[in-house]
Amino acid sequence: MLPNGAIRPFLNQLKNITRDRMGMIGFITMSTIVFLAIFAPLLIPYAVVENVSRPDGSPAMLEPPSWRHWFGTTNLAEDVFSQTLWGGRIALMIGLVSGICVTVIGTNIGLIAGYYGRWVDDILMRITDIAYGIPFLPFGIILVAILGASKWTIILTISVLMWRTTARVIRSQVLSLKERPFVLAARASGASDLRILYKHIAPNILPLAFLYTALSVGFGVIAEASLSFVGLGDPSTISWGRMLYFAFWAGAMRTAWWWIIPPGLCIGLLVVSCYLIARGYESIVNPKLREF
């Protein structure tokens, strides 16, 4: 179990998120998607790639929604409802892992650049500028060509490039914090740079880091769907992006609407919930937005 001192800050920040009406909506939506993704193996009525049949034994290809198949079937007679629930596991895993990686990388670069300044700041910010100049999709194509198509390649692509905004925002905050009296007092007392950075400064920028984590998770979901839609997703798994990819190449984008709407709607709901949670988190970052 987590110690009470570790649980209480999390509960306090969660309370601030849910006190905002839009943040509460985002939290409920996200919690619902997480619940369905976690228990997908128990909830799906068919295997993800199982070819289902009609009562007469013929393949149930491109059937519209019915009581037997709530979201209809694909051109290969696969149940869309089962694939939609299972695809949420991949989207959440990639979104959460890449979001955390982006936040960790960006926060540490921002901390170091803002605290040390001078040539350290110059080098790290020039690297950040270079990262801004690299287009995401061509970079992802190159990594897939080198490393192969997998969910870990997608996570690596997101993590290598998308930390840049977080780093810049954190750096600007650290530039202000490092001149505060409590940092000057810690430095005068002989505290090491490492202690000052992660004991005194880092806790003060955590709300801002968590805010960008929520936004990064949403971007990770979009990035996974985008790469999967152009055929760069993990071929061994079913995700919402790959569902759209298969529907496109099967020529069903206009005819089999039931194959398109569920994954597209889920992508939209998950991304919007991340934005709403980030909006609720602004009450922590900017106390002027808090409702009393």
C-alpha atoms as a PDB file:
ATOM      1  CA  MET A   1       0.000   0.000   0.000  1.00  0.00           C
ATOM      2  CA  LEU A   2       1.069   3.569  -0.644  1.00  0.00           C
ATOM      3  CA  PRO A   3       1.885   5.611   2.452  1.00  0.00           C
ATOM      4  CA  ASN A   4      -0.683   8.188   3.509  1.00  0.00           C
ATOM      5  CA  GLY A   5       1.747  10.991   2.632  1.00  0.00           C
ATOM      6  CA  ALA A   6       1.854   9.778  -0.973  1.00  0.00           C
ATOM      7  CA  ILE A   7      -1.903   9.265  -1.292  1.00  0.00           C
ATOM      8  CA  ARG A   8      -3.024  12.603   0.137  1.00  0.00           C
ATOM      9  CA  PRO A   9      -1.422  14.871  -2.529  1.00  0.00           C
ATOM     10  CA  PHE A  10      -2.932  12.696  -5.256  1.00  0.00           C
ATOM     11  CA  LEU A  11      -6.382  12.892  -3.653  1.00  0.00           C
ATOM     12  CA  ASN A  12      -6.085  16.650  -3.231  1.00  0.00           C
ATOM     13  CA  GLN A  13      -5.204  17.125  -6.895  1.00  0.00           C
ATOM     14  CA  LEU A  14      -7.985  14.746  -7.950  1.00  0.00           C
ATOM     15  CA  LYS A  15     -10.408  16.815  -5.878  1.00  0.00           C
ATOM     16  CA  ASN A  16      -9.337  19.966  -7.714  1.00  0.00           C
ATOM     17  CA  ILE A  17      -9.870  18.261 -11.068  1.00  0.00           C
ATOM     18  CA  THR A  18     -13.316  16.952 -10.228  1.00  0.00           C
ATOM     19  CA  ARG A  19     -14.401  20.260  -8.642  1.00  0.00           C
ATOM     20  CA  ASP A  20     -14.386  21.674 -12.169  1.00  0.00           C
ATOM     21  CA  ARG A  21     -17.511  20.571 -14.041  1.00  0.00           C
ATOM     22  CA  MET A  22     -15.724  19.894 -17.305  1.00  0.00           C
ATOM     23  CA  GLY A  23     -12.920  18.151 -15.439  1.00  0.00           C
ATOM     24  CA  MET A  24     -15.491  15.878 -13.789  1.00  0.00           C
ATOM     25  CA  ILE A  25     -16.983  14.981 -17.184  1.00  0.00           C
ATOM     26  CA  GLY A  26     -13.524  14.199 -18.525  1.00  0.00           C
ATOM     27  CA  PHE A  27     -12.665  12.114 -15.460  1.00  0.00           C
ATOM     28  CA  ILE A  28     -15.883  10.072 -15.718  1.00  0.00           C
ATOM     29  CA  THR A  29     -15.388   9.519 -19.460  1.00  0.00           C
ATOM     30  CA  MET A  30     -11.775   8.471 -18.987  1.00  0.00           C
ATOM     31  CA  SER A  31     -12.676   6.173 -16.072  1.00  0.00           C
ATOM     32  CA  THR A  32     -15.364   4.480 -18.170  1.00  0.00           C
ATOM     33  CA  ILE A  33     -12.969   3.865 -21.061  1.00  0.00           C
ATOM     34  CA  VAL A  34     -10.299   2.551 -18.680  1.00  0.00           C
ATOM     35  CA  PHE A  35     -12.828   0.216 -17.017  1.00  0.00           C
ATOM     36  CA  LEU A  36     -13.992  -1.191 -20.361  1.00  0.00           C
ATOM     37  CA  ALA A  37     -10.401  -1.612 -21.562  1.00  0.00           C
ATOM     38  CA  ILE A  38      -9.260  -3.404 -18.402  1.00  0.00           C
ATOM     39  CA  PHE A  39     -12.181  -5.837 -18.408  1.00  0.00           C
ATOM     40  CA  ALA A  40     -12.359  -6.219 -22.194  1.00  0.00           C
ATOM     41  CA  PRO A  41     -11.289  -9.915 -22.063  1.00  0.00           C
ATOM     42  CA  LEU A  42     -14.361 -10.616 -19.909  1.00  0.00           C
ATOM     43  CA  LEU A  43     -16.771  -8.381 -21.833  1.00  0.00           C
ATOM     44  CA  ILE A  44     -16.111  -9.203 -25.489  1.00  0.00           C
ATOM     45  CA  PRO A  45     -18.611 -11.766 -26.844  1.00  0.00           C
ATOM     46  CA  TYR A  46     -16.259 -13.055 -29.563  1.00  0.00           C
ATOM     47  CA  ALA A  47     -12.528 -13.390 -30.075  1.00  0.00           C
ATOM     48  CA  VAL A  48     -11.003 -10.314 -31.716  1.00  0.00           C
ATOM     49  CA  VAL A  49     -10.231 -12.044 -35.034  1.00  0.00           C
ATOM     50  CA  GLU A  50     -12.925 -14.725 -34.843  1.00  0.00           C
ATOM     51  CA  ASN A  51     -14.939 -15.234 -38.039  1.00  0.00           C
ATOM     52  CA  VAL A  52     -18.539 -15.283 -36.878  1.00  0.00           C
ATOM     53  CA  SER A  53     -21.356 -17.004 -38.748  1.00  0.00           C
ATOM     54  CA  ARG A  54     -25.047 -16.515 -39.364  1.00  0.00           C
ATOM     55  CA  PRO A  55     -27.576 -19.053 -38.036  1.00  0.00           C
ATOM     56  CA  ASP A  56     -27.444 -20.830 -41.415  1.00  0.00           C
ATOM     57  CA  GLY A  57     -23.665 -21.255 -41.121  1.00  0.00           C
ATOM     58  CA  SER A  58     -22.649 -18.675 -43.737  1.00  0.00           C
ATOM     59  CA  PRO A  59     -20.046 -16.013 -42.858  1.00  0.00           C
ATOM     60  CA  ALA A  60     -21.631 -12.908 -41.290  1.00  0.00           C
ATOM     61  CA  MET A  61     -19.761 -10.434 -43.490  1.00  0.00           C
ATOM     62  CA  LEU A  62     -20.548  -6.701 -43.311  1.00  0.00           C
ATOM     63  CA  GLU A  63     -23.694  -7.170 -41.261  1.00  0.00           C
ATOM     64  CA  PRO A  64     -25.209  -3.976 -39.793  1.00  0.00           C
ATOM     65  CA  PRO A  65     -25.728  -3.689 -36.019  1.00  0.00           C
ATOM     66  CA  SER A  66     -28.113  -6.264 -34.554  1.00  0.00           C
ATOM     67  CA  TRP A  67     -28.826  -8.036 -31.273  1.00  0.00           C
ATOM     68  CA  ARG A  68     -26.210 -10.662 -32.168  1.00  0.00           C
ATOM     69  CA  HIS A  69     -23.575  -8.113 -33.201  1.00  0.00           C
ATOM     70  CA  TRP A  70     -24.144  -4.773 -31.469  1.00  0.00           C
ATOM     71  CA  PHE A  71     -21.705  -2.843 -33.695  1.00  0.00           C
ATOM     72  CA  GLY A  72     -22.068  -5.027 -36.792  1.00  0.00           C
ATOM     73  CA  THR A  73     -19.324  -7.040 -38.463  1.00  0.00           C
ATOM     74  CA  THR A  74     -16.364  -6.444 -40.809  1.00  0.00           C
ATOM     75  CA  ASN A  75     -15.736  -7.735 -44.314  1.00  0.00           C
ATOM     76  CA  LEU A  76     -13.991 -10.736 -42.731  1.00  0.00           C
ATOM     77  CA  ALA A  77     -17.016 -11.478 -40.515  1.00  0.00           C
ATOM     78  CA  GLU A  78     -15.309 -10.187 -37.350  1.00  0.00           C
ATOM     79  CA  ASP A  79     -17.325  -8.633 -34.551  1.00  0.00           C
ATOM     80  CA  VAL A  80     -16.779  -4.842 -34.449  1.00  0.00           C
ATOM     81  CA  PHE A  81     -17.925  -4.521 -30.820  1.00  0.00           C
ATOM     82  CA  SER A  82     -15.275  -6.993 -29.647  1.00  0.00           C
ATOM     83  CA  GLN A  83     -12.573  -5.229 -31.661  1.00  0.00           C
ATOM     84  CA  THR A  84     -13.631  -1.820 -30.321  1.00  0.00           C
ATOM     85  CA  LEU A  85     -13.335  -2.900 -26.684  1.00  0.00           C
ATOM     86  CA  TRP A  86     -10.019  -4.621 -27.315  1.00  0.00           C
ATOM     87  CA  GLY A  87      -8.649  -1.681 -29.281  1.00  0.00           C
ATOM     88  CA  GLY A  88      -9.107   0.536 -26.220  1.00  0.00           C
ATOM     89  CA  ARG A  89      -6.423  -1.448 -24.402  1.00  0.00           C
ATOM     90  CA  ILE A  90      -3.829  -0.632 -27.075  1.00  0.00           C
ATOM     91  CA  ALA A  91      -4.826   3.037 -27.300  1.00  0.00           C
ATOM     92  CA  LEU A  92      -4.672   3.518 -23.529  1.00  0.00           C
ATOM     93  CA  MET A  93      -1.394   1.647 -23.142  1.00  0.00           C
ATOM     94  CA  ILE A  94       0.343   3.642 -25.864  1.00  0.00           C
ATOM     95  CA  GLY A  95      -1.218   6.929 -24.722  1.00  0.00           C
ATOM     96  CA  LEU A  96      -0.320   6.489 -21.043  1.00  0.00           C
ATOM     97  CA  VAL A  97       3.212   5.136 -21.563  1.00  0.00           C
ATOM     98  CA  SER A  98       4.122   7.722 -24.199  1.00  0.00           C
ATOM     99  CA  GLY A  99       2.513  10.515 -22.149  1.00  0.00           C
ATOM    100  CA  ILE A 100       4.561   9.600 -19.091  1.00  0.00           C
ATOM    101  CA  CYS A 101       7.766   9.311 -21.150  1.00  0.00           C
ATOM    102  CA  VAL A 102       7.155  12.694 -22.799  1.00  0.00           C
ATOM    103  CA  THR A 103       6.545  14.317 -19.406  1.00  0.00           C
ATOM    104  CA  VAL A 104       9.614  12.765 -17.771  1.00  0.00           C
ATOM    105  CA  ILE A 105      11.914  13.761 -20.638  1.00  0.00           C
ATOM    106  CA  GLY A 106      10.485  17.256 -21.064  1.00  0.00           C
ATOM    107  CA  THR A 107      10.365  17.990 -17.334  1.00  0.00           C
ATOM    108  CA  ASN A 108      13.982  16.971 -16.752  1.00  0.00           C
ATOM    109  CA  ILE A 109      15.255  18.910 -19.755  1.00  0.00           C
ATOM    110  CA  GLY A 110      13.283  21.957 -18.645  1.00  0.00           C
ATOM    111  CA  LEU A 111      14.572  21.660 -15.068  1.00  0.00           C
ATOM    112  CA  ILE A 112      18.220  21.368 -16.105  1.00  0.00           C
ATOM    113  CA  ALA A 113      18.056  24.081 -18.789  1.00  0.00           C
ATOM    114  CA  GLY A 114      16.242  26.568 -16.562  1.00  0.00           C
ATOM    115  CA  TYR A 115      18.345  25.964 -13.462  1.00  0.00           C
ATOM    116  CA  TYR A 116      21.848  25.962 -14.946  1.00  0.00           C
ATOM    117  CA  GLY A 117      21.259  28.485 -17.733  1.00  0.00           C
ATOM    118  CA  ARG A 118      24.171  29.752 -19.861  1.00  0.00           C
ATOM    119  CA  TRP A 119      25.708  27.203 -22.232  1.00  0.00           C
ATOM    120  CA  VAL A 120      23.688  24.305 -20.778  1.00  0.00           C
ATOM    121  CA  ASP A 121      20.488  26.186 -21.519  1.00  0.00           C
ATOM    122  CA  ASP A 122      21.713  27.141 -24.987  1.00  0.00           C
ATOM    123  CA  ILE A 123      22.560  23.552 -25.946  1.00  0.00           C
ATOM    124  CA  LEU A 124      19.327  22.058 -24.616  1.00  0.00           C
ATOM    125  CA  MET A 125      17.136  24.733 -26.198  1.00  0.00           C
ATOM    126  CA  ARG A 126      18.865  24.328 -29.554  1.00  0.00           C
ATOM    127  CA  ILE A 127      18.172  20.592 -29.339  1.00  0.00           C
ATOM    128  CA  THR A 128      14.562  21.515 -28.588  1.00  0.00           C
ATOM    129  CA  ASP A 129      14.469  23.745 -31.666  1.00  0.00           C
ATOM    130  CA  ILE A 130      15.787  20.868 -33.777  1.00  0.00           C
ATOM    131  CA  ALA A 131      13.060  18.599 -32.357  1.00  0.00           C
ATOM    132  CA  TYR A 132      10.470  21.208 -33.373  1.00  0.00           C
ATOM    133  CA  GLY A 133      11.798  21.097 -36.934  1.00  0.00           C
ATOM    134  CA  ILE A 134      11.424  17.310 -37.353  1.00  0.00           C
ATOM    135  CA  PRO A 135       8.012  16.344 -38.823  1.00  0.00           C
ATOM    136  CA  PHE A 136       6.322  13.613 -36.818  1.00  0.00           C
ATOM    137  CA  LEU A 137       4.924  11.325 -39.518  1.00  0.00           C
ATOM    138  CA  PRO A 138       8.068  11.070 -41.730  1.00  0.00           C
ATOM    139  CA  PHE A 139      10.121  10.482 -38.583  1.00  0.00           C
ATOM    140  CA  GLY A 140       7.731   7.692 -37.585  1.00  0.00           C
ATOM    141  CA  ILE A 141       8.025   6.119 -41.043  1.00  0.00           C
ATOM    142  CA  ILE A 142      11.825   6.096 -40.770  1.00  0.00           C
ATOM    143  CA  LEU A 143      11.746   4.496 -37.310  1.00  0.00           C
ATOM    144  CA  VAL A 144       9.276   1.845 -38.471  1.00  0.00           C
ATOM    145  CA  ALA A 145      11.525   1.073 -41.462  1.00  0.00           C
ATOM    146  CA  ILE A 146      14.521   0.656 -39.129  1.00  0.00           C
ATOM    147  CA  LEU A 147      12.930  -0.969 -36.061  1.00  0.00           C
ATOM    148  CA  GLY A 148       9.829  -2.583 -37.525  1.00  0.00           C
ATOM    149  CA  ALA A 149       6.152  -1.864 -36.905  1.00  0.00           C
ATOM    150  CA  SER A 150       5.203  -2.355 -33.260  1.00  0.00           C
ATOM    151  CA  LYS A 151       3.563  -0.486 -30.420  1.00  0.00           C
ATOM    152  CA  TRP A 152       6.974   0.148 -28.871  1.00  0.00           C
ATOM    153  CA  THR A 153       8.152   1.852 -32.060  1.00  0.00           C
ATOM    154  CA  ILE A 154       5.130   4.146 -31.864  1.00  0.00           C
ATOM    155  CA  ILE A 155       5.883   4.929 -28.212  1.00  0.00           C
ATOM    156  CA  LEU A 156       9.520   5.641 -29.080  1.00  0.00           C
ATOM    157  CA  THR A 157       8.490   7.943 -31.935  1.00  0.00           C
ATOM    158  CA  ILE A 158       6.221   9.969 -29.658  1.00  0.00           C
ATOM    159  CA  SER A 159       8.705  10.071 -26.780  1.00  0.00           C
ATOM    160  CA  VAL A 160      11.654  11.195 -28.901  1.00  0.00           C
ATOM    161  CA  LEU A 161       9.853  14.186 -30.422  1.00  0.00           C
ATOM    162  CA  MET A 162       6.899  15.329 -28.320  1.00  0.00           C
ATOM    163  CA  TRP A 163       8.724  16.437 -25.138  1.00  0.00           C
ATOM    164  CA  ARG A 164       9.673  19.778 -26.678  1.00  0.00           C
ATOM    165  CA  THR A 165       6.667  21.878 -25.574  1.00  0.00           C
ATOM    166  CA  THR A 166       6.790  20.473 -22.042  1.00  0.00           C
ATOM    167  CA  ALA A 167      10.503  21.306 -21.818  1.00  0.00           C
ATOM    168  CA  ARG A 168      10.006  24.917 -22.896  1.00  0.00           C
ATOM    169  CA  VAL A 169       7.126  25.560 -20.485  1.00  0.00           C
ATOM    170  CA  ILE A 170       8.896  23.905 -17.541  1.00  0.00           C
ATOM    171  CA  ARG A 171      12.085  25.847 -18.306  1.00  0.00           C
ATOM    172  CA  SER A 172      10.247  29.166 -18.177  1.00  0.00           C
ATOM    173  CA  GLN A 173       8.779  28.230 -14.804  1.00  0.00           C
ATOM    174  CA  VAL A 174      12.162  27.162 -13.420  1.00  0.00           C
ATOM    175  CA  LEU A 175      13.737  30.456 -14.494  1.00  0.00           C
ATOM    176  CA  SER A 176      11.338  32.164 -12.111  1.00  0.00           C
ATOM    177  CA  LEU A 177      11.497  29.623  -9.301  1.00  0.00           C
ATOM    178  CA  LYS A 178      15.294  29.481  -9.052  1.00  0.00           C
ATOM    179  CA  GLU A 179      15.371  33.133  -7.904  1.00  0.00           C
ATOM    180  CA  ARG A 180      12.835  32.601  -5.126  1.00  0.00           C
ATOM    181  CA  PRO A 181      13.994  33.019  -1.493  1.00  0.00           C
ATOM    182  CA  PHE A 182      13.508  29.328  -0.592  1.00  0.00           C
ATOM    183  CA  VAL A 183      15.908  28.276  -3.390  1.00  0.00           C
ATOM    184  CA  LEU A 184      18.447  30.923  -2.440  1.00  0.00           C
ATOM    185  CA  ALA A 185      18.210  29.791   1.194  1.00  0.00           C
ATOM    186  CA  ALA A 186      18.764  26.147   0.191  1.00  0.00           C
ATOM    187  CA  ARG A 187      21.790  27.141  -1.882  1.00  0.00           C
ATOM    188  CA  ALA A 188      23.201  29.224   0.987  1.00  0.00           C
ATOM    189  CA  SER A 189      22.809  26.285   3.363  1.00  0.00           C
ATOM    190  CA  GLY A 190      25.041  24.166   1.136  1.00  0.00           C
ATOM    191  CA  ALA A 191      22.406  22.033  -0.598  1.00  0.00           C
ATOM    192  CA  SER A 192      23.641  20.349  -3.764  1.00  0.00           C
ATOM    193  CA  ASP A 193      22.268  21.251  -7.193  1.00  0.00           C
ATOM    194  CA  LEU A 194      20.602  17.851  -7.419  1.00  0.00           C
ATOM    195  CA  ARG A 195      18.836  18.367  -4.094  1.00  0.00           C
ATOM    196  CA  ILE A 196      17.719  21.872  -5.029  1.00  0.00           C
ATOM    197  CA  LEU A 197      16.398  20.688  -8.384  1.00  0.00           C
ATOM    198  CA  TYR A 198      14.401  17.671  -7.228  1.00  0.00           C
ATOM    199  CA  LYS A 199      13.695  18.517  -3.596  1.00  0.00           C
ATOM    200  CA  HIS A 200      12.838  22.211  -3.777  1.00  0.00           C
ATOM    201  CA  ILE A 201      12.068  23.172  -7.380  1.00  0.00           C
ATOM    202  CA  ALA A 202      10.517  20.012  -8.872  1.00  0.00           C
ATOM    203  CA  PRO A 203       7.568  19.801  -6.405  1.00  0.00           C
ATOM    204  CA  ASN A 204       6.550  23.311  -7.421  1.00  0.00           C
ATOM    205  CA  ILE A 205       6.325  22.446 -11.113  1.00  0.00           C
ATOM    206  CA  LEU A 206       4.611  19.049 -10.706  1.00  0.00           C
ATOM    207  CA  PRO A 207       1.085  20.437 -11.298  1.00  0.00           C
ATOM    208  CA  LEU A 208       2.304  21.908 -14.577  1.00  0.00           C
ATOM    209  CA  ALA A 209       3.987  18.608 -15.477  1.00  0.00           C
ATOM    210  CA  PHE A 210       0.783  16.681 -14.734  1.00  0.00           C
ATOM    211  CA  LEU A 211      -1.159  19.109 -16.903  1.00  0.00           C
ATOM    212  CA  TYR A 212       1.090  18.332 -19.864  1.00  0.00           C
ATOM    213  CA  THR A 213       0.896  14.617 -19.072  1.00  0.00           C
ATOM    214  CA  ALA A 214      -2.855  14.718 -19.677  1.00  0.00           C
ATOM    215  CA  LEU A 215      -2.357  16.572 -22.942  1.00  0.00           C
ATOM    216  CA  SER A 216       0.436  14.196 -23.989  1.00  0.00           C
ATOM    217  CA  VAL A 217      -1.773  11.155 -23.383  1.00  0.00           C
ATOM    218  CA  GLY A 218      -4.346  12.622 -25.746  1.00  0.00           C
ATOM    219  CA  PHE A 219      -1.705  13.300 -28.366  1.00  0.00           C
ATOM    220  CA  GLY A 220      -0.341   9.775 -27.950  1.00  0.00           C
ATOM    221  CA  VAL A 221      -3.772   8.340 -28.736  1.00  0.00           C
ATOM    222  CA  ILE A 222      -4.048  10.490 -31.865  1.00  0.00           C
ATOM    223  CA  ALA A 223      -0.485   9.630 -32.921  1.00  0.00           C
ATOM    224  CA  GLU A 224      -1.107   5.888 -32.555  1.00  0.00           C
ATOM    225  CA  ALA A 225      -4.319   6.136 -34.573  1.00  0.00           C
ATOM    226  CA  SER A 226      -2.586   8.210 -37.258  1.00  0.00           C
ATOM    227  CA  LEU A 227       0.370   5.851 -37.656  1.00  0.00           C
ATOM    228  CA  SER A 228      -1.892   2.796 -37.611  1.00  0.00           C
ATOM    229  CA  PHE A 229      -4.218   4.326 -40.190  1.00  0.00           C
ATOM    230  CA  VAL A 230      -1.353   4.696 -42.679  1.00  0.00           C
ATOM    231  CA  GLY A 231      -0.285   1.098 -42.072  1.00  0.00           C
ATOM    232  CA  LEU A 232       2.518   1.681 -39.553  1.00  0.00           C
ATOM    233  CA  GLY A 233       0.765   0.177 -36.534  1.00  0.00           C
ATOM    234  CA  ASP A 234       1.580  -3.062 -34.761  1.00  0.00           C
ATOM    235  CA  PRO A 235       0.386  -5.858 -37.111  1.00  0.00           C
ATOM    236  CA  SER A 236      -0.021  -8.277 -34.196  1.00  0.00           C
ATOM    237  CA  THR A 237      -2.683  -6.221 -32.408  1.00  0.00           C
ATOM    238  CA  ILE A 238      -6.039  -4.609 -33.119  1.00  0.00           C
ATOM    239  CA  SER A 239      -6.308  -0.924 -32.290  1.00  0.00           C
ATOM    240  CA  TRP A 240      -8.818   1.760 -33.197  1.00  0.00           C
ATOM    241  CA  GLY A 241      -6.437   3.130 -35.812  1.00  0.00           C
ATOM    242  CA  ARG A 242      -5.975  -0.291 -37.429  1.00  0.00           C
ATOM    243  CA  MET A 243      -9.731  -0.788 -37.502  1.00  0.00           C
ATOM    244  CA  LEU A 244     -10.028   2.385 -39.561  1.00  0.00           C
ATOM    245  CA  TYR A 245      -7.088   1.252 -41.694  1.00  0.00           C
ATOM    246  CA  PHE A 246      -8.760  -2.077 -42.534  1.00  0.00           C
ATOM    247  CA  ALA A 247     -12.092  -0.369 -43.205  1.00  0.00           C
ATOM    248  CA  PHE A 248     -10.418   2.066 -45.602  1.00  0.00           C
ATOM    249  CA  TRP A 249      -8.622  -0.597 -47.617  1.00  0.00           C
ATOM    250  CA  ALA A 250     -11.759  -2.741 -47.700  1.00  0.00           C
ATOM    251  CA  GLY A 251     -13.595   0.156 -49.354  1.00  0.00           C
ATOM    252  CA  ALA A 252     -16.121   0.299 -46.514  1.00  0.00           C
ATOM    253  CA  MET A 253     -15.606   3.906 -45.407  1.00  0.00           C
ATOM    254  CA  ARG A 254     -18.970   4.972 -46.896  1.00  0.00           C
ATOM    255  CA  THR A 255     -20.976   1.767 -47.025  1.00  0.00           C
ATOM    256  CA  ALA A 256     -20.241   0.109 -43.659  1.00  0.00           C
ATOM    257  CA  TRP A 257     -20.726   3.081 -41.349  1.00  0.00           C
ATOM    258  CA  TRP A 258     -20.957   0.776 -38.316  1.00  0.00           C
ATOM    259  CA  TRP A 259     -17.322  -0.235 -38.884  1.00  0.00           C
ATOM    260  CA  ILE A 260     -16.118   3.396 -38.885  1.00  0.00           C
ATOM    261  CA  ILE A 261     -18.124   5.205 -36.209  1.00  0.00           C
ATOM    262  CA  PRO A 262     -17.230   3.098 -33.092  1.00  0.00           C
ATOM    263  CA  PRO A 263     -13.403   3.408 -33.322  1.00  0.00           C
ATOM    264  CA  GLY A 264     -13.593   7.025 -34.529  1.00  0.00           C
ATOM    265  CA  LEU A 265     -15.986   7.991 -31.740  1.00  0.00           C
ATOM    266  CA  CYS A 266     -13.840   6.246 -29.123  1.00  0.00           C
ATOM    267  CA  ILE A 267     -10.720   8.076 -30.302  1.00  0.00           C
ATOM    268  CA  GLY A 268     -12.600  11.368 -30.071  1.00  0.00           C
ATOM    269  CA  LEU A 269     -14.035  10.646 -26.613  1.00  0.00           C
ATOM    270  CA  LEU A 270     -10.673   9.590 -25.182  1.00  0.00           C
ATOM    271  CA  VAL A 271      -8.844  12.633 -26.579  1.00  0.00           C
ATOM    272  CA  VAL A 272     -11.595  15.021 -25.428  1.00  0.00           C
ATOM    273  CA  SER A 273     -11.565  13.474 -21.940  1.00  0.00           C
ATOM    274  CA  CYS A 274      -7.805  14.101 -21.729  1.00  0.00           C
ATOM    275  CA  TYR A 275      -8.362  17.731 -22.715  1.00  0.00           C
ATOM    276  CA  LEU A 276     -11.165  18.158 -20.155  1.00  0.00           C
ATOM    277  CA  ILE A 277      -8.996  16.662 -17.399  1.00  0.00           C
ATOM    278  CA  ALA A 278      -6.216  19.056 -18.399  1.00  0.00           C
ATOM    279  CA  ARG A 279      -8.744  21.902 -18.298  1.00  0.00           C
ATOM    280  CA  GLY A 280      -9.737  20.897 -14.780  1.00  0.00           C
ATOM    281  CA  TYR A 281      -6.086  20.695 -13.818  1.00  0.00           C
ATOM    282  CA  GLU A 282      -5.613  24.330 -14.773  1.00  0.00           C
ATOM    283  CA  SER A 283      -7.264  25.219 -11.471  1.00  0.00           C
ATOM    284  CA  ILE A 284      -4.128  23.831  -9.801  1.00  0.00           C
ATOM    285  CA  VAL A 285      -1.657  25.494 -12.146  1.00  0.00           C
ATOM    286  CA  ASN A 286      -3.510  28.839 -12.127  1.00  0.00           C
ATOM    287  CA  PRO A 287      -5.236  29.482  -8.774  1.00  0.00           C
ATOM    288  CA  LYS A 288      -7.155  32.398 -10.332  1.00  0.00           C
ATOM    289  CA  LEU A 289      -9.287  29.850 -12.189  1.00  0.00           C
ATOM    290  CA  ARG A 290     -10.420  28.071  -9.025  1.00  0.00           C
ATOM    291  CA  GLU A 291     -14.088  28.231  -8.129  1.00  0.00           C
ATOM    292  CA  PHE A 292     -14.909  29.057  -4.557  1.00  0.00           C
END
